[in-house]
Amino acid sequence: MLMRGLLLRIKELSQSTCPAVRSLAENISRDPRAAVACTIRDLADMSHASASTVVRFCRKLGCSGYKEFQRELVYELASMEDANDMAIEDISSADGADRILRKVVQSDIRSLEALERLLDPGVLEDCVAAIASARVVNLFGVGASLLVARDLELKLNRVDKQCHVYEDWHSQMLCARNIHADDLALVFSYSGLTREMVEVARLVRQRGARLIAVTRIVGSELAEQADWVLGLATSEPLVRSGAMASRMSQLAVVDALYALYVARDYDRCAKTMLQNYDEKRPKGENR
C-alpha cells in the first residue's frame, strides 16, 4: 500500500489531543531518518508511550503495522531526497541553446516523476468529488500560480462547472470574504508561504468553506490550512528567477484533476464539450 504524503499525515497527528500520539508525531517529525532506525520499543520509550500505542498510531496513518510504517517512511524520505536534487542546474553564460534546453527539459521531467510518486490517488479522488459537489469553485493564485488557476478555470468552464478566478488581489480577497460554506476554494502556491494566499486560506476557513491547496508538502503554511493537499515536490529554491519546473508540476495537477473529473461524469462532460466545439471551416463555406 503506497502511503504518499506520510510525513504530512504525521504532522497533522502532532495536533492530536492524545498526548502519546502527539509525542510520537512530534518525535518522528523532528528526525524522521532517526525514526527509521528505531525499533518499536525504542520509539515507544522515546515518546513515553506503549508499543500498542505505536501500533495504533501506525494504523491511524493507514499502515497495517509498524513494519509497513517504516517501509513507507523509507520510501517517502527517498522520494524527498530525489526531489531535493531536482532544481534546475545552474545556467552559465557559456551555455549554448542545446545545453540550456537539456537542463530545462531534464528538470521538468524529474519534477513530474516526483509528482507522480507524491500525489495520493485517494486524495485526488476526494478533491474531484469536492469539485463536483461544490456550488461554485473559486480559484486563487498570484504570479505564475495565477496562470495555472486560469488554466483550470478554462477547463472547468468547458464542461459547464461554475468557477471563478480573479486577476487582482483585492478581488480575490473579496471572493474569499464572501465565499459560501458549500463552495470550494482551490489555492495555488508553490512555496505555500505567499502572504496573500495564506491570508485567502485563513478567510476561506473562517467562512466554513472547504479548501484544496496545491503546494509543497514540506514547509508550507498553506498546507496547514487545507482540507486536502495536492503536494508538489520541492523542485526549485524558494528564491528563484521564475517558476519553471514548479509551474509544470502545478499544471500536471490541474490536468489530473480535470481528466478525473471528466472520467467520473463522462457522458455529461462529453455531451457538453461537443456542444462547445467550434469547428473551423474554410472562409466562405456554409455550415
C-alpha atoms as a PDB file:
ATOM      1  CA  MET A   1       0.000   0.000   0.000  1.00  0.00           C
ATOM      2  CA  LEU A   2       1.564   3.298  -1.067  1.00  0.00           C
ATOM      3  CA  MET A   3       1.286   5.954   1.641  1.00  0.00           C
ATOM      4  CA  ARG A   4       2.094   9.148  -0.236  1.00  0.00           C
ATOM      5  CA  GLY A   5       2.196  12.226   1.959  1.00  0.00           C
ATOM      6  CA  LEU A   6       3.066  10.173   5.055  1.00  0.00           C
ATOM      7  CA  LEU A   7       5.097  12.957   6.687  1.00  0.00           C
ATOM      8  CA  LEU A   8       2.232  15.389   6.161  1.00  0.00           C
ATOM      9  CA  ARG A   9      -0.154  12.965   7.875  1.00  0.00           C
ATOM     10  CA  ILE A  10       2.298  12.582  10.748  1.00  0.00           C
ATOM     11  CA  LYS A  11       2.469  16.361  11.103  1.00  0.00           C
ATOM     12  CA  GLU A  12      -1.329  16.501  11.248  1.00  0.00           C
ATOM     13  CA  LEU A  13      -1.278  13.985  14.124  1.00  0.00           C
ATOM     14  CA  SER A  14       1.059  16.288  16.064  1.00  0.00           C
ATOM     15  CA  GLN A  15      -2.104  18.351  16.730  1.00  0.00           C
ATOM     16  CA  SER A  16      -3.817  15.346  18.370  1.00  0.00           C
ATOM     17  CA  THR A  17      -5.472  15.788  21.736  1.00  0.00           C
ATOM     18  CA  CYS A  18      -3.924  12.487  22.856  1.00  0.00           C
ATOM     19  CA  PRO A  19      -0.530  13.273  24.498  1.00  0.00           C
ATOM     20  CA  ALA A  20       1.037   9.936  23.483  1.00  0.00           C
ATOM     21  CA  VAL A  21       0.031  10.289  19.818  1.00  0.00           C
ATOM     22  CA  ARG A  22       1.157  13.919  19.806  1.00  0.00           C
ATOM     23  CA  SER A  23       4.535  12.964  21.296  1.00  0.00           C
ATOM     24  CA  LEU A  24       5.039  10.197  18.715  1.00  0.00           C
ATOM     25  CA  ALA A  25       4.203  12.530  15.842  1.00  0.00           C
ATOM     26  CA  GLU A  26       6.489  15.288  17.141  1.00  0.00           C
ATOM     27  CA  ASN A  27       9.435  12.921  17.662  1.00  0.00           C
ATOM     28  CA  ILE A  28       9.123  11.410  14.185  1.00  0.00           C
ATOM     29  CA  SER A  29       8.657  14.819  12.515  1.00  0.00           C
ATOM     30  CA  ARG A  30      11.718  16.182  14.309  1.00  0.00           C
ATOM     31  CA  ASP A  31      14.027  13.495  12.877  1.00  0.00           C
ATOM     32  CA  PRO A  32      12.260  11.044  10.533  1.00  0.00           C
ATOM     33  CA  ARG A  33      15.557   9.436   9.458  1.00  0.00           C
ATOM     34  CA  ALA A  34      16.321   8.503  13.054  1.00  0.00           C
ATOM     35  CA  ALA A  35      12.825   7.044  13.412  1.00  0.00           C
ATOM     36  CA  VAL A  36      13.506   4.680  10.511  1.00  0.00           C
ATOM     37  CA  ALA A  37      16.303   3.047  12.529  1.00  0.00           C
ATOM     38  CA  CYS A  38      14.248   2.728  15.735  1.00  0.00           C
ATOM     39  CA  THR A  39      12.618  -0.472  16.899  1.00  0.00           C
ATOM     40  CA  ILE A  40       9.027  -0.210  18.008  1.00  0.00           C
ATOM     41  CA  ARG A  41      10.236  -0.341  21.634  1.00  0.00           C
ATOM     42  CA  ASP A  42      12.815   2.414  21.029  1.00  0.00           C
ATOM     43  CA  LEU A  43      10.203   4.708  19.540  1.00  0.00           C
ATOM     44  CA  ALA A  44       7.735   3.938  22.323  1.00  0.00           C
ATOM     45  CA  ASP A  45      10.302   4.694  25.048  1.00  0.00           C
ATOM     46  CA  MET A  46      11.429   7.889  23.325  1.00  0.00           C
ATOM     47  CA  SER A  47       7.830   9.132  23.193  1.00  0.00           C
ATOM     48  CA  HIS A  48       6.802   7.876  26.628  1.00  0.00           C
ATOM     49  CA  ALA A  49       4.216   5.628  25.017  1.00  0.00           C
ATOM     50  CA  SER A  50       3.483   1.903  24.861  1.00  0.00           C
ATOM     51  CA  ALA A  51       4.206  -0.406  21.936  1.00  0.00           C
ATOM     52  CA  SER A  52       0.453  -0.841  21.422  1.00  0.00           C
ATOM     53  CA  THR A  53       0.086   2.950  21.139  1.00  0.00           C
ATOM     54  CA  VAL A  54       2.753   2.958  18.414  1.00  0.00           C
ATOM     55  CA  VAL A  55       0.801   0.292  16.512  1.00  0.00           C
ATOM     56  CA  ARG A  56      -2.426   2.310  16.830  1.00  0.00           C
ATOM     57  CA  PHE A  57      -0.513   5.380  15.639  1.00  0.00           C
ATOM     58  CA  CYS A  58       0.628   3.481  12.534  1.00  0.00           C
ATOM     59  CA  ARG A  59      -2.931   2.392  11.804  1.00  0.00           C
ATOM     60  CA  LYS A  60      -4.141   5.998  12.094  1.00  0.00           C
ATOM     61  CA  LEU A  61      -1.713   6.719   9.259  1.00  0.00           C
ATOM     62  CA  GLY A  62      -3.231   3.943   7.156  1.00  0.00           C
ATOM     63  CA  CYS A  63      -0.473   1.372   7.691  1.00  0.00           C
ATOM     64  CA  SER A  64      -1.187  -2.188   8.812  1.00  0.00           C
ATOM     65  CA  GLY A  65       1.570  -2.089  11.425  1.00  0.00           C
ATOM     66  CA  TYR A  66       4.987  -0.802  12.393  1.00  0.00           C
ATOM     67  CA  LYS A  67       6.932  -2.632   9.679  1.00  0.00           C
ATOM     68  CA  GLU A  68       4.771  -1.181   6.920  1.00  0.00           C
ATOM     69  CA  PHE A  69       5.078   2.257   8.527  1.00  0.00           C
ATOM     70  CA  GLN A  70       8.893   2.022   8.477  1.00  0.00           C
ATOM     71  CA  ARG A  71       8.901   0.810   4.879  1.00  0.00           C
ATOM     72  CA  GLU A  72       6.697   3.668   3.694  1.00  0.00           C
ATOM     73  CA  LEU A  73       8.711   6.195   5.696  1.00  0.00           C
ATOM     74  CA  VAL A  74      11.902   4.992   3.989  1.00  0.00           C
ATOM     75  CA  TYR A  75      10.183   5.343   0.608  1.00  0.00           C
ATOM     76  CA  GLU A  76       8.980   8.876   1.308  1.00  0.00           C
ATOM     77  CA  LEU A  77      12.384  10.011   2.572  1.00  0.00           C
ATOM     78  CA  ALA A  78      13.995   8.604  -0.564  1.00  0.00           C
ATOM     79  CA  SER A  79      11.448  10.466  -2.714  1.00  0.00           C
ATOM     80  CA  MET A  80      12.218  13.697  -0.869  1.00  0.00           C
ATOM     81  CA  GLU A  81      15.953  13.223  -1.378  1.00  0.00           C
ATOM     82  CA  ASP A  82      15.339  12.755  -5.095  1.00  0.00           C
ATOM     83  CA  ALA A  83      13.208  15.890  -5.139  1.00  0.00           C
ATOM     84  CA  ASN A  84      15.811  17.939  -3.281  1.00  0.00           C
ATOM     85  CA  ASP A  85      18.210  17.250  -6.131  1.00  0.00           C
ATOM     86  CA  MET A  86      15.757  18.295  -8.817  1.00  0.00           C
ATOM     87  CA  ALA A  87      16.392  22.028  -9.016  1.00  0.00           C
ATOM     88  CA  ILE A  88      17.459  23.134 -12.451  1.00  0.00           C
ATOM     89  CA  GLU A  89      21.208  23.004 -12.921  1.00  0.00           C
ATOM     90  CA  ASP A  90      22.998  26.342 -12.792  1.00  0.00           C
ATOM     91  CA  ILE A  91      22.817  28.067 -16.130  1.00  0.00           C
ATOM     92  CA  SER A  92      26.080  29.530 -17.245  1.00  0.00           C
ATOM     93  CA  SER A  93      26.604  32.401 -19.662  1.00  0.00           C
ATOM     94  CA  ALA A  94      28.765  29.951 -21.607  1.00  0.00           C
ATOM     95  CA  ASP A  95      25.863  27.538 -22.146  1.00  0.00           C
ATOM     96  CA  GLY A  96      24.569  27.204 -25.662  1.00  0.00           C
ATOM     97  CA  ALA A  97      20.913  26.723 -26.591  1.00  0.00           C
ATOM     98  CA  ASP A  98      21.296  22.926 -26.742  1.00  0.00           C
ATOM     99  CA  ARG A  99      22.688  22.707 -23.194  1.00  0.00           C
ATOM    100  CA  ILE A 100      20.106  25.060 -21.716  1.00  0.00           C
ATOM    101  CA  LEU A 101      17.313  23.145 -23.435  1.00  0.00           C
ATOM    102  CA  ARG A 102      18.600  19.871 -21.992  1.00  0.00           C
ATOM    103  CA  LYS A 103      18.850  21.319 -18.461  1.00  0.00           C
ATOM    104  CA  VAL A 104      15.321  22.745 -18.561  1.00  0.00           C
ATOM    105  CA  VAL A 105      13.741  19.584 -20.004  1.00  0.00           C
ATOM    106  CA  GLN A 106      15.523  17.292 -17.534  1.00  0.00           C
ATOM    107  CA  SER A 107      14.424  19.488 -14.630  1.00  0.00           C
ATOM    108  CA  ASP A 108      10.794  19.322 -15.796  1.00  0.00           C
ATOM    109  CA  ILE A 109      10.969  15.553 -16.252  1.00  0.00           C
ATOM    110  CA  ARG A 110      12.370  14.959 -12.752  1.00  0.00           C
ATOM    111  CA  SER A 111       9.746  17.264 -11.260  1.00  0.00           C
ATOM    112  CA  LEU A 112       6.881  15.390 -12.967  1.00  0.00           C
ATOM    113  CA  GLU A 113       8.289  12.000 -11.951  1.00  0.00           C
ATOM    114  CA  ALA A 114       8.461  13.148  -8.332  1.00  0.00           C
ATOM    115  CA  LEU A 115       4.903  14.465  -8.563  1.00  0.00           C
ATOM    116  CA  GLU A 116       3.646  11.030  -9.626  1.00  0.00           C
ATOM    117  CA  ARG A 117       5.291   9.499  -6.552  1.00  0.00           C
ATOM    118  CA  LEU A 118       3.971  12.153  -4.173  1.00  0.00           C
ATOM    119  CA  LEU A 119       0.332  12.504  -5.262  1.00  0.00           C
ATOM    120  CA  ASP A 120      -2.064  10.279  -3.375  1.00  0.00           C
ATOM    121  CA  PRO A 121      -4.725   8.888  -5.794  1.00  0.00           C
ATOM    122  CA  GLY A 122      -7.208   8.718  -2.923  1.00  0.00           C
ATOM    123  CA  VAL A 123      -6.776  12.419  -2.175  1.00  0.00           C
ATOM    124  CA  LEU A 124      -7.128  13.175  -5.887  1.00  0.00           C
ATOM    125  CA  GLU A 125     -10.443  11.278  -5.901  1.00  0.00           C
ATOM    126  CA  ASP A 126     -11.636  13.236  -2.847  1.00  0.00           C
ATOM    127  CA  CYS A 127     -10.716  16.538  -4.488  1.00  0.00           C
ATOM    128  CA  VAL A 128     -12.640  15.700  -7.651  1.00  0.00           C
ATOM    129  CA  ALA A 129     -15.666  14.702  -5.556  1.00  0.00           C
ATOM    130  CA  ALA A 130     -15.418  18.068  -3.763  1.00  0.00           C
ATOM    131  CA  ILE A 131     -15.278  19.903  -7.105  1.00  0.00           C
ATOM    132  CA  ALA A 132     -18.322  18.009  -8.373  1.00  0.00           C
ATOM    133  CA  SER A 133     -20.398  18.715  -5.261  1.00  0.00           C
ATOM    134  CA  ALA A 134     -19.430  22.385  -4.814  1.00  0.00           C
ATOM    135  CA  ARG A 135     -21.921  25.123  -5.627  1.00  0.00           C
ATOM    136  CA  VAL A 136     -19.077  27.207  -7.077  1.00  0.00           C
ATOM    137  CA  VAL A 137     -15.358  26.516  -7.403  1.00  0.00           C
ATOM    138  CA  ASN A 138     -13.240  29.571  -6.553  1.00  0.00           C
ATOM    139  CA  LEU A 139      -9.626  29.572  -7.749  1.00  0.00           C
ATOM    140  CA  PHE A 140      -6.833  31.612  -6.180  1.00  0.00           C
ATOM    141  CA  GLY A 141      -3.228  32.317  -7.126  1.00  0.00           C
ATOM    142  CA  VAL A 142      -0.768  35.108  -7.813  1.00  0.00           C
ATOM    143  CA  GLY A 143       2.080  35.373 -10.296  1.00  0.00           C
ATOM    144  CA  ALA A 144       2.780  32.133 -12.145  1.00  0.00           C
ATOM    145  CA  SER A 145       0.270  30.312  -9.945  1.00  0.00           C
ATOM    146  CA  LEU A 146      -2.481  32.614 -11.245  1.00  0.00           C
ATOM    147  CA  LEU A 147      -1.723  31.358 -14.760  1.00  0.00           C
ATOM    148  CA  VAL A 148      -2.269  27.803 -13.513  1.00  0.00           C
ATOM    149  CA  ALA A 149      -5.557  28.809 -11.867  1.00  0.00           C
ATOM    150  CA  ARG A 150      -6.647  30.341 -15.175  1.00  0.00           C
ATOM    151  CA  ASP A 151      -5.924  27.057 -16.938  1.00  0.00           C
ATOM    152  CA  LEU A 152      -8.194  25.133 -14.555  1.00  0.00           C
ATOM    153  CA  GLU A 153     -10.898  27.784 -14.952  1.00  0.00           C
ATOM    154  CA  LEU A 154     -10.864  27.297 -18.734  1.00  0.00           C
ATOM    155  CA  LYS A 155     -11.091  23.528 -18.373  1.00  0.00           C
ATOM    156  CA  LEU A 156     -13.952  23.580 -15.869  1.00  0.00           C
ATOM    157  CA  ASN A 157     -15.875  26.131 -17.931  1.00  0.00           C
ATOM    158  CA  ARG A 158     -15.542  23.785 -20.893  1.00  0.00           C
ATOM    159  CA  VAL A 159     -17.592  21.165 -19.015  1.00  0.00           C
ATOM    160  CA  ASP A 160     -20.056  23.696 -17.535  1.00  0.00           C
ATOM    161  CA  LYS A 161     -18.769  23.676 -13.953  1.00  0.00           C
ATOM    162  CA  GLN A 162     -19.278  27.106 -12.453  1.00  0.00           C
ATOM    163  CA  CYS A 163     -15.980  28.580 -11.291  1.00  0.00           C
ATOM    164  CA  HIS A 164     -14.382  31.961 -10.703  1.00  0.00           C
ATOM    165  CA  VAL A 165     -10.851  33.336 -10.732  1.00  0.00           C
ATOM    166  CA  TYR A 166      -9.913  36.990 -10.389  1.00  0.00           C
ATOM    167  CA  GLU A 167      -6.802  38.727 -11.687  1.00  0.00           C
ATOM    168  CA  ASP A 168      -6.231  41.244  -8.919  1.00  0.00           C
ATOM    169  CA  TRP A 169      -5.559  40.594  -5.265  1.00  0.00           C
ATOM    170  CA  HIS A 170      -8.384  42.811  -3.969  1.00  0.00           C
ATOM    171  CA  SER A 171     -10.984  40.871  -5.955  1.00  0.00           C
ATOM    172  CA  GLN A 172      -9.563  37.593  -4.662  1.00  0.00           C
ATOM    173  CA  MET A 173      -9.868  38.904  -1.105  1.00  0.00           C
ATOM    174  CA  LEU A 174     -13.493  39.915  -1.708  1.00  0.00           C
ATOM    175  CA  CYS A 175     -14.199  36.462  -3.114  1.00  0.00           C
ATOM    176  CA  ALA A 176     -12.664  34.784  -0.049  1.00  0.00           C
ATOM    177  CA  ARG A 177     -14.593  37.035   2.328  1.00  0.00           C
ATOM    178  CA  ASN A 178     -17.909  36.248   0.599  1.00  0.00           C
ATOM    179  CA  ILE A 179     -17.368  32.559  -0.131  1.00  0.00           C
ATOM    180  CA  HIS A 180     -20.287  30.282   0.801  1.00  0.00           C
ATOM    181  CA  ALA A 181     -19.975  27.252   3.036  1.00  0.00           C
ATOM    182  CA  ASP A 182     -21.000  24.987   0.146  1.00  0.00           C
ATOM    183  CA  ASP A 183     -18.374  26.499  -2.176  1.00  0.00           C
ATOM    184  CA  LEU A 184     -14.887  25.133  -2.750  1.00  0.00           C
ATOM    185  CA  ALA A 185     -11.587  27.031  -2.839  1.00  0.00           C
ATOM    186  CA  LEU A 186      -8.532  25.837  -4.758  1.00  0.00           C
ATOM    187  CA  VAL A 187      -5.424  27.779  -3.782  1.00  0.00           C
ATOM    188  CA  PHE A 188      -2.264  27.500  -5.868  1.00  0.00           C
ATOM    189  CA  SER A 189       1.074  28.433  -4.311  1.00  0.00           C
ATOM    190  CA  TYR A 190       4.291  26.533  -4.913  1.00  0.00           C
ATOM    191  CA  SER A 191       6.007  27.873  -1.784  1.00  0.00           C
ATOM    192  CA  GLY A 192       2.894  27.749   0.386  1.00  0.00           C
ATOM    193  CA  LEU A 193       4.285  30.872   2.055  1.00  0.00           C
ATOM    194  CA  THR A 194       2.887  33.592  -0.235  1.00  0.00           C
ATOM    195  CA  ARG A 195       1.306  36.072   2.178  1.00  0.00           C
ATOM    196  CA  GLU A 196      -1.741  36.758   0.014  1.00  0.00           C
ATOM    197  CA  MET A 197      -2.562  33.068  -0.449  1.00  0.00           C
ATOM    198  CA  VAL A 198      -2.116  32.217   3.232  1.00  0.00           C
ATOM    199  CA  GLU A 199      -4.491  35.085   4.055  1.00  0.00           C
ATOM    200  CA  VAL A 200      -7.027  33.857   1.475  1.00  0.00           C
ATOM    201  CA  ALA A 201      -6.896  30.387   3.040  1.00  0.00           C
ATOM    202  CA  ARG A 202      -7.498  31.849   6.505  1.00  0.00           C
ATOM    203  CA  LEU A 203     -10.563  33.752   5.283  1.00  0.00           C
ATOM    204  CA  VAL A 204     -11.932  30.693   3.473  1.00  0.00           C
ATOM    205  CA  ARG A 205     -11.657  28.630   6.658  1.00  0.00           C
ATOM    206  CA  GLN A 206     -13.378  31.354   8.658  1.00  0.00           C
ATOM    207  CA  ARG A 207     -16.318  31.184   6.233  1.00  0.00           C
ATOM    208  CA  GLY A 208     -16.587  27.410   6.651  1.00  0.00           C
ATOM    209  CA  ALA A 209     -15.819  26.530   3.026  1.00  0.00           C
ATOM    210  CA  ARG A 210     -13.617  23.597   2.010  1.00  0.00           C
ATOM    211  CA  LEU A 211     -10.110  24.204   0.762  1.00  0.00           C
ATOM    212  CA  ILE A 212      -7.745  22.359  -1.586  1.00  0.00           C
ATOM    213  CA  ALA A 213      -4.120  23.504  -1.569  1.00  0.00           C
ATOM    214  CA  VAL A 214      -1.786  22.802  -4.484  1.00  0.00           C
ATOM    215  CA  THR A 215       1.548  23.422  -2.805  1.00  0.00           C
ATOM    216  CA  ARG A 216       4.770  21.936  -1.476  1.00  0.00           C
ATOM    217  CA  ILE A 217       4.281  19.195   1.088  1.00  0.00           C
ATOM    218  CA  VAL A 218       7.166  20.314   3.295  1.00  0.00           C
ATOM    219  CA  GLY A 219       7.325  23.734   4.961  1.00  0.00           C
ATOM    220  CA  SER A 220       4.050  25.081   3.552  1.00  0.00           C
ATOM    221  CA  GLU A 221       1.870  27.284   5.766  1.00  0.00           C
ATOM    222  CA  LEU A 222      -0.884  26.947   3.182  1.00  0.00           C
ATOM    223  CA  ALA A 223      -0.911  23.150   3.573  1.00  0.00           C
ATOM    224  CA  GLU A 224      -1.672  23.527   7.273  1.00  0.00           C
ATOM    225  CA  GLN A 225      -4.923  25.368   6.444  1.00  0.00           C
ATOM    226  CA  ALA A 226      -6.205  22.950   3.808  1.00  0.00           C
ATOM    227  CA  ASP A 227      -8.739  20.123   3.923  1.00  0.00           C
ATOM    228  CA  TRP A 228      -6.826  18.399   1.119  1.00  0.00           C
ATOM    229  CA  VAL A 229      -3.258  18.908  -0.059  1.00  0.00           C
ATOM    230  CA  LEU A 230      -2.122  18.034  -3.573  1.00  0.00           C
ATOM    231  CA  GLY A 231       1.574  18.053  -2.836  1.00  0.00           C
ATOM    232  CA  LEU A 232       4.298  19.309  -5.145  1.00  0.00           C
ATOM    233  CA  ALA A 233       7.892  18.155  -4.950  1.00  0.00           C
ATOM    234  CA  THR A 234      10.433  20.636  -3.654  1.00  0.00           C
ATOM    235  CA  SER A 235      11.911  21.106  -7.101  1.00  0.00           C
ATOM    236  CA  GLU A 236      13.016  24.748  -7.022  1.00  0.00           C
ATOM    237  CA  PRO A 237      14.606  27.101  -4.488  1.00  0.00           C
ATOM    238  CA  LEU A 238      12.098  29.471  -2.896  1.00  0.00           C
ATOM    239  CA  VAL A 239      14.138  32.449  -4.105  1.00  0.00           C
ATOM    240  CA  ARG A 240      14.305  31.957  -7.863  1.00  0.00           C
ATOM    241  CA  SER A 241      14.171  33.946 -11.064  1.00  0.00           C
ATOM    242  CA  GLY A 242      10.860  32.471 -12.196  1.00  0.00           C
ATOM    243  CA  ALA A 243       8.643  29.405 -11.828  1.00  0.00           C
ATOM    244  CA  MET A 244       9.677  26.663 -14.254  1.00  0.00           C
ATOM    245  CA  ALA A 245       9.564  23.053 -13.028  1.00  0.00           C
ATOM    246  CA  SER A 246       7.136  24.068 -10.265  1.00  0.00           C
ATOM    247  CA  ARG A 247       4.740  25.533 -12.849  1.00  0.00           C
ATOM    248  CA  MET A 248       4.871  22.298 -14.845  1.00  0.00           C
ATOM    249  CA  SER A 249       4.014  20.313 -11.707  1.00  0.00           C
ATOM    250  CA  GLN A 250       1.055  22.568 -10.942  1.00  0.00           C
ATOM    251  CA  LEU A 251      -0.228  22.254 -14.500  1.00  0.00           C
ATOM    252  CA  ALA A 252       0.084  18.460 -14.261  1.00  0.00           C
ATOM    253  CA  VAL A 253      -2.075  18.548 -11.103  1.00  0.00           C
ATOM    254  CA  VAL A 254      -4.676  20.606 -12.994  1.00  0.00           C
ATOM    255  CA  ASP A 255      -4.647  18.110 -15.881  1.00  0.00           C
ATOM    256  CA  ALA A 256      -5.066  15.177 -13.478  1.00  0.00           C
ATOM    257  CA  LEU A 257      -7.990  16.867 -11.684  1.00  0.00           C
ATOM    258  CA  TYR A 258      -9.706  17.712 -14.955  1.00  0.00           C
ATOM    259  CA  ALA A 259      -9.194  14.285 -16.544  1.00  0.00           C
ATOM    260  CA  LEU A 260     -10.537  12.527 -13.448  1.00  0.00           C
ATOM    261  CA  TYR A 261     -13.481  14.936 -13.226  1.00  0.00           C
ATOM    262  CA  VAL A 262     -14.427  14.173 -16.844  1.00  0.00           C
ATOM    263  CA  ALA A 263     -13.957  10.429 -16.320  1.00  0.00           C
ATOM    264  CA  ARG A 264     -16.301  10.461 -13.306  1.00  0.00           C
ATOM    265  CA  ASP A 265     -19.088  12.188 -15.295  1.00  0.00           C
ATOM    266  CA  TYR A 266     -18.100  11.159 -18.787  1.00  0.00           C
ATOM    267  CA  ASP A 267     -21.433  11.165 -20.643  1.00  0.00           C
ATOM    268  CA  ARG A 268     -22.470  14.636 -19.483  1.00  0.00           C
ATOM    269  CA  CYS A 269     -18.996  16.118 -19.956  1.00  0.00           C
ATOM    270  CA  ALA A 270     -18.621  14.623 -23.427  1.00  0.00           C
ATOM    271  CA  LYS A 271     -22.011  15.992 -24.469  1.00  0.00           C
ATOM    272  CA  THR A 272     -21.158  19.447 -23.087  1.00  0.00           C
ATOM    273  CA  MET A 273     -17.764  19.508 -24.807  1.00  0.00           C
ATOM    274  CA  LEU A 274     -19.386  18.607 -28.124  1.00  0.00           C
ATOM    275  CA  GLN A 275     -21.834  21.499 -27.690  1.00  0.00           C
ATOM    276  CA  ASN A 276     -18.899  23.823 -27.103  1.00  0.00           C
ATOM    277  CA  TYR A 277     -16.884  22.589 -30.067  1.00  0.00           C
ATOM    278  CA  ASP A 278     -16.487  25.313 -32.653  1.00  0.00           C
ATOM    279  CA  GLU A 279     -15.488  23.645 -35.901  1.00  0.00           C
ATOM    280  CA  LYS A 280     -13.219  25.724 -38.100  1.00  0.00           C
ATOM    281  CA  ARG A 281     -14.371  25.915 -41.712  1.00  0.00           C
ATOM    282  CA  PRO A 282     -12.738  27.457 -44.773  1.00  0.00           C
ATOM    283  CA  LYS A 283     -13.716  31.053 -45.397  1.00  0.00           C
ATOM    284  CA  GLY A 284     -16.958  31.322 -47.379  1.00  0.00           C
ATOM    285  CA  GLU A 285     -18.094  27.746 -46.678  1.00  0.00           C
ATOM    286  CA  ASN A 286     -21.627  27.497 -45.328  1.00  0.00           C
ATOM    287  CA  ARG A 287     -22.396  25.440 -42.273  1.00  0.00           C
END
